[in-house]
Amino acid sequence: MEKGNKIIVDLGVKGKLLELATYPTIRKALNGKQNTPQCVRIREKALELGGMEIQPLNK
């Protein structure tokens, strides 16, 4: 999984991800700012629960 791609999820999915980490950690993982093993698990679980991965816009 690439660091830098943002994952968009519903608020209910973020609630389900709370069993893996806290909201600040989930936010950093979904924004693609960290690439720790815990963040990789969060990103994989978010995609399983219906999240969409989007490419960052180049400015």
PDB file of N, CA and C in Angstrom:
ATOM      1  N   MET A   1       0.846  -1.171   0.000  1.00  0.00           N
ATOM      2  CA  MET A   1       0.000   0.000   0.000  1.00  0.00           C
ATOM      3  C   MET A   1       0.889   1.231   0.000  1.00  0.00           C
ATOM      4  N   GLU A   2       0.580   2.175  -0.858  1.00  0.00           N
ATOM      5  CA  GLU A   2       1.407   3.350  -0.995  1.00  0.00           C
ATOM      6  C   GLU A   2       1.089   4.403   0.049  1.00  0.00           C
ATOM      7  N   LYS A   3       2.140   5.020   0.545  1.00  0.00           N
ATOM      8  CA  LYS A   3       1.966   6.154   1.439  1.00  0.00           C
ATOM      9  C   LYS A   3       1.636   7.357   0.569  1.00  0.00           C
ATOM     10  N   GLY A   4       0.667   8.148   0.965  1.00  0.00           N
ATOM     11  CA  GLY A   4       0.337   9.348   0.215  1.00  0.00           C
ATOM     12  C   GLY A   4      -1.037   9.323  -0.411  1.00  0.00           C
ATOM     13  N   ASN A   5      -1.581   8.156  -0.709  1.00  0.00           N
ATOM     14  CA  ASN A   5      -2.938   8.091  -1.234  1.00  0.00           C
ATOM     15  C   ASN A   5      -3.914   8.239  -0.090  1.00  0.00           C
ATOM     16  N   LYS A   6      -4.902   9.094  -0.289  1.00  0.00           N
ATOM     17  CA  LYS A   6      -5.890   9.372   0.748  1.00  0.00           C
ATOM     18  C   LYS A   6      -7.035   8.379   0.630  1.00  0.00           C
ATOM     19  N   ILE A   7      -7.581   7.966   1.759  1.00  0.00           N
ATOM     20  CA  ILE A   7      -8.724   7.055   1.779  1.00  0.00           C
ATOM     21  C   ILE A   7      -9.909   7.801   2.378  1.00  0.00           C
ATOM     22  N   ILE A   8     -11.015   7.798   1.649  1.00  0.00           N
ATOM     23  CA  ILE A   8     -12.244   8.458   2.081  1.00  0.00           C
ATOM     24  C   ILE A   8     -13.196   7.398   2.626  1.00  0.00           C
ATOM     25  N   VAL A   9     -13.705   7.616   3.846  1.00  0.00           N
ATOM     26  CA  VAL A   9     -14.661   6.693   4.472  1.00  0.00           C
ATOM     27  C   VAL A   9     -15.780   7.482   5.129  1.00  0.00           C
ATOM     28  N   ASP A  10     -16.887   6.809   5.407  1.00  0.00           N
ATOM     29  CA  ASP A  10     -17.989   7.403   6.148  1.00  0.00           C
ATOM     30  C   ASP A  10     -17.640   7.475   7.626  1.00  0.00           C
ATOM     31  N   LEU A  11     -18.386   8.297   8.348  1.00  0.00           N
ATOM     32  CA  LEU A  11     -18.148   8.448   9.779  1.00  0.00           C
ATOM     33  C   LEU A  11     -18.381   7.140  10.528  1.00  0.00           C
ATOM     34  N   GLY A  12     -19.341   6.332  10.091  1.00  0.00           N
ATOM     35  CA  GLY A  12     -19.604   5.049  10.727  1.00  0.00           C
ATOM     36  C   GLY A  12     -18.427   4.098  10.614  1.00  0.00           C
ATOM     37  N   VAL A  13     -17.714   4.179   9.498  1.00  0.00           N
ATOM     38  CA  VAL A  13     -16.531   3.335   9.303  1.00  0.00           C
ATOM     39  C   VAL A  13     -15.430   3.776  10.261  1.00  0.00           C
ATOM     40  N   LYS A  14     -15.285   5.068  10.445  1.00  0.00           N
ATOM     41  CA  LYS A  14     -14.274   5.557  11.395  1.00  0.00           C
ATOM     42  C   LYS A  14     -14.581   5.050  12.800  1.00  0.00           C
ATOM     43  N   GLY A  15     -15.858   4.958  13.136  1.00  0.00           N
ATOM     44  CA  GLY A  15     -16.246   4.414  14.431  1.00  0.00           C
ATOM     45  C   GLY A  15     -15.844   2.964  14.581  1.00  0.00           C
ATOM     46  N   LYS A  16     -15.974   2.192  13.503  1.00  0.00           N
ATOM     47  CA  LYS A  16     -15.564   0.786  13.544  1.00  0.00           C
ATOM     48  C   LYS A  16     -14.051   0.648  13.628  1.00  0.00           C
ATOM     49  N   LEU A  17     -13.324   1.616  13.084  1.00  0.00           N
ATOM     50  CA  LEU A  17     -11.866   1.574  13.124  1.00  0.00           C
ATOM     51  C   LEU A  17     -11.313   1.918  14.511  1.00  0.00           C
ATOM     52  N   LEU A  18     -12.165   2.413  15.401  1.00  0.00           N
ATOM     53  CA  LEU A  18     -11.713   2.762  16.755  1.00  0.00           C
ATOM     54  C   LEU A  18     -11.206   1.554  17.530  1.00  0.00           C
ATOM     55  N   GLU A  19     -11.579   0.349  17.125  1.00  0.00           N
ATOM     56  CA  GLU A  19     -11.050  -0.826  17.816  1.00  0.00           C
ATOM     57  C   GLU A  19      -9.568  -1.037  17.495  1.00  0.00           C
ATOM     58  N   LEU A  20      -9.069  -0.388  16.442  1.00  0.00           N
ATOM     59  CA  LEU A  20      -7.661  -0.520  16.060  1.00  0.00           C
ATOM     60  C   LEU A  20      -6.794   0.616  16.606  1.00  0.00           C
ATOM     61  N   ALA A  21      -7.378   1.824  16.765  1.00  0.00           N
ATOM     62  CA  ALA A  21      -6.578   2.981  17.173  1.00  0.00           C
ATOM     63  C   ALA A  21      -7.490   4.129  17.592  1.00  0.00           C
ATOM     64  N   THR A  22      -6.870   5.244  17.957  1.00  0.00           N
ATOM     65  CA  THR A  22      -7.608   6.445  18.324  1.00  0.00           C
ATOM     66  C   THR A  22      -7.891   7.283  17.082  1.00  0.00           C
ATOM     67  N   TYR A  23      -8.786   8.281  17.211  1.00  0.00           N
ATOM     68  CA  TYR A  23      -9.138   9.126  16.071  1.00  0.00           C
ATOM     69  C   TYR A  23      -7.930   9.842  15.444  1.00  0.00           C
ATOM     70  N   PRO A  24      -7.006  10.432  16.233  1.00  0.00           N
ATOM     71  CA  PRO A  24      -5.854  11.086  15.591  1.00  0.00           C
ATOM     72  C   PRO A  24      -5.011  10.117  14.754  1.00  0.00           C
ATOM     73  N   THR A  25      -4.819   8.907  15.239  1.00  0.00           N
ATOM     74  CA  THR A  25      -4.049   7.920  14.495  1.00  0.00           C
ATOM     75  C   THR A  25      -4.792   7.489  13.239  1.00  0.00           C
ATOM     76  N   ILE A  26      -6.106   7.310  13.351  1.00  0.00           N
ATOM     77  CA  ILE A  26      -6.920   6.934  12.186  1.00  0.00           C
ATOM     78  C   ILE A  26      -6.857   8.038  11.139  1.00  0.00           C
ATOM     79  N   ARG A  27      -6.954   9.285  11.577  1.00  0.00           N
ATOM     80  CA  ARG A  27      -6.908  10.419  10.653  1.00  0.00           C
ATOM     81  C   ARG A  27      -5.565  10.467   9.908  1.00  0.00           C
ATOM     82  N   LYS A  28      -4.467  10.283  10.630  1.00  0.00           N
ATOM     83  CA  LYS A  28      -3.147  10.299  10.000  1.00  0.00           C
ATOM     84  C   LYS A  28      -2.988   9.144   9.023  1.00  0.00           C
ATOM     85  N   ALA A  29      -3.514   7.988   9.380  1.00  0.00           N
ATOM     86  CA  ALA A  29      -3.407   6.824   8.510  1.00  0.00           C
ATOM     87  C   ALA A  29      -4.223   7.019   7.237  1.00  0.00           C
ATOM     88  N   LEU A  30      -5.444   7.520   7.360  1.00  0.00           N
ATOM     89  CA  LEU A  30      -6.306   7.689   6.194  1.00  0.00           C
ATOM     90  C   LEU A  30      -5.842   8.824   5.296  1.00  0.00           C
ATOM     91  N   ASN A  31      -5.151   9.814   5.862  1.00  0.00           N
ATOM     92  CA  ASN A  31      -4.610  10.897   5.044  1.00  0.00           C
ATOM     93  C   ASN A  31      -3.315  10.499   4.352  1.00  0.00           C
ATOM     94  N   GLY A  32      -2.739   9.368   4.741  1.00  0.00           N
ATOM     95  CA  GLY A  32      -1.512   8.896   4.114  1.00  0.00           C
ATOM     96  C   GLY A  32      -0.268   9.571   4.630  1.00  0.00           C
ATOM     97  N   LYS A  33      -0.329  10.123   5.843  1.00  0.00           N
ATOM     98  CA  LYS A  33       0.819  10.841   6.384  1.00  0.00           C
ATOM     99  C   LYS A  33       1.800   9.934   7.114  1.00  0.00           C
ATOM    100  N   GLN A  34       1.365   8.748   7.507  1.00  0.00           N
ATOM    101  CA  GLN A  34       2.243   7.821   8.206  1.00  0.00           C
ATOM    102  C   GLN A  34       2.198   6.469   7.512  1.00  0.00           C
ATOM    103  N   ASN A  35       3.269   5.724   7.656  1.00  0.00           N
ATOM    104  CA  ASN A  35       3.340   4.410   7.029  1.00  0.00           C
ATOM    105  C   ASN A  35       3.828   3.372   8.039  1.00  0.00           C
ATOM    106  N   THR A  36       3.326   3.446   9.265  1.00  0.00           N
ATOM    107  CA  THR A  36       3.686   2.475  10.293  1.00  0.00           C
ATOM    108  C   THR A  36       2.853   1.209  10.086  1.00  0.00           C
ATOM    109  N   PRO A  37       3.253   0.087  10.683  1.00  0.00           N
ATOM    110  CA  PRO A  37       2.454  -1.138  10.543  1.00  0.00           C
ATOM    111  C   PRO A  37       1.011  -0.967  11.018  1.00  0.00           C
ATOM    112  N   GLN A  38       0.804  -0.209  12.091  1.00  0.00           N
ATOM    113  CA  GLN A  38      -0.552   0.025  12.591  1.00  0.00           C
ATOM    114  C   GLN A  38      -1.366   0.814  11.563  1.00  0.00           C
ATOM    115  N   CYS A  39      -0.760   1.812  10.939  1.00  0.00           N
ATOM    116  CA  CYS A  39      -1.464   2.614   9.938  1.00  0.00           C
ATOM    117  C   CYS A  39      -1.787   1.791   8.700  1.00  0.00           C
ATOM    118  N   VAL A  40      -0.911   0.880   8.340  1.00  0.00           N
ATOM    119  CA  VAL A  40      -1.179   0.010   7.192  1.00  0.00           C
ATOM    120  C   VAL A  40      -2.388  -0.875   7.487  1.00  0.00           C
ATOM    121  N   ARG A  41      -2.478  -1.406   8.712  1.00  0.00           N
ATOM    122  CA  ARG A  41      -3.649  -2.217   9.093  1.00  0.00           C
ATOM    123  C   ARG A  41      -4.930  -1.391   9.052  1.00  0.00           C
ATOM    124  N   ILE A  42      -4.854  -0.155   9.528  1.00  0.00           N
ATOM    125  CA  ILE A  42      -6.018   0.729   9.513  1.00  0.00           C
ATOM    126  C   ILE A  42      -6.461   0.981   8.074  1.00  0.00           C
ATOM    127  N   ARG A  43      -5.511   1.249   7.186  1.00  0.00           N
ATOM    128  CA  ARG A  43      -5.840   1.534   5.788  1.00  0.00           C
ATOM    129  C   ARG A  43      -6.451   0.309   5.111  1.00  0.00           C
ATOM    130  N   GLU A  44      -5.906  -0.875   5.378  1.00  0.00           N
ATOM    131  CA  GLU A  44      -6.452  -2.102   4.788  1.00  0.00           C
ATOM    132  C   GLU A  44      -7.876  -2.360   5.282  1.00  0.00           C
ATOM    133  N   LYS A  45      -8.106  -2.172   6.583  1.00  0.00           N
ATOM    134  CA  LYS A  45      -9.434  -2.386   7.155  1.00  0.00           C
ATOM    135  C   LYS A  45     -10.433  -1.370   6.594  1.00  0.00           C
ATOM    136  N   ALA A  46      -9.999  -0.126   6.419  1.00  0.00           N
ATOM    137  CA  ALA A  46     -10.874   0.906   5.870  1.00  0.00           C
ATOM    138  C   ALA A  46     -11.297   0.556   4.443  1.00  0.00           C
ATOM    139  N   LEU A  47     -10.381   0.022   3.657  1.00  0.00           N
ATOM    140  CA  LEU A  47     -10.721  -0.380   2.297  1.00  0.00           C
ATOM    141  C   LEU A  47     -11.684  -1.572   2.298  1.00  0.00           C
ATOM    142  N   GLU A  48     -11.515  -2.493   3.238  1.00  0.00           N
ATOM    143  CA  GLU A  48     -12.427  -3.628   3.360  1.00  0.00           C
ATOM    144  C   GLU A  48     -13.840  -3.171   3.709  1.00  0.00           C
ATOM    145  N   LEU A  49     -13.938  -2.111   4.517  1.00  0.00           N
ATOM    146  CA  LEU A  49     -15.233  -1.631   4.981  1.00  0.00           C
ATOM    147  C   LEU A  49     -15.891  -0.644   4.010  1.00  0.00           C
ATOM    148  N   GLY A  50     -15.327  -0.489   2.826  1.00  0.00           N
ATOM    149  CA  GLY A  50     -15.967   0.326   1.796  1.00  0.00           C
ATOM    150  C   GLY A  50     -15.319   1.673   1.538  1.00  0.00           C
ATOM    151  N   GLY A  51     -14.132   1.898   2.031  1.00  0.00           N
ATOM    152  CA  GLY A  51     -13.446   3.147   1.759  1.00  0.00           C
ATOM    153  C   GLY A  51     -12.939   3.215   0.323  1.00  0.00           C
ATOM    154  N   MET A  52     -12.761   4.427  -0.154  1.00  0.00           N
ATOM    155  CA  MET A  52     -12.256   4.651  -1.518  1.00  0.00           C
ATOM    156  C   MET A  52     -10.909   5.327  -1.448  1.00  0.00           C
ATOM    157  N   GLU A  53      -9.932   4.793  -2.190  1.00  0.00           N
ATOM    158  CA  GLU A  53      -8.609   5.376  -2.222  1.00  0.00           C
ATOM    159  C   GLU A  53      -8.535   6.354  -3.391  1.00  0.00           C
ATOM    160  N   ILE A  54      -8.084   7.569  -3.124  1.00  0.00           N
ATOM    161  CA  ILE A  54      -7.980   8.579  -4.170  1.00  0.00           C
ATOM    162  C   ILE A  54      -6.535   9.049  -4.291  1.00  0.00           C
ATOM    163  N   GLN A  55      -6.173   9.463  -5.494  1.00  0.00           N
ATOM    164  CA  GLN A  55      -4.837   9.973  -5.754  1.00  0.00           C
ATOM    165  C   GLN A  55      -4.784  11.440  -5.332  1.00  0.00           C
ATOM    166  N   PRO A  56      -3.655  11.893  -4.772  1.00  0.00           N
ATOM    167  CA  PRO A  56      -3.536  13.319  -4.408  1.00  0.00           C
ATOM    168  C   PRO A  56      -3.493  14.176  -5.671  1.00  0.00           C
ATOM    169  N   LEU A  57      -4.014  15.384  -5.565  1.00  0.00           N
ATOM    170  CA  LEU A  57      -3.982  16.306  -6.690  1.00  0.00           C
ATOM    171  C   LEU A  57      -2.601  16.913  -6.800  1.00  0.00           C
ATOM    172  N   ASN A  58      -2.072  16.978  -8.018  1.00  0.00           N
ATOM    173  CA  ASN A  58      -0.775  17.622  -8.231  1.00  0.00           C
ATOM    174  C   ASN A  58      -1.012  19.083  -8.511  1.00  0.00           C
ATOM    175  N   LYS A  59      -0.295  19.933  -7.785  1.00  0.00           N
ATOM    176  CA  LYS A  59      -0.462  21.371  -7.958  1.00  0.00           C
ATOM    177  C   LYS A  59       0.717  21.940  -8.672  1.00  0.00           C
TER     178      LYS A  59
END
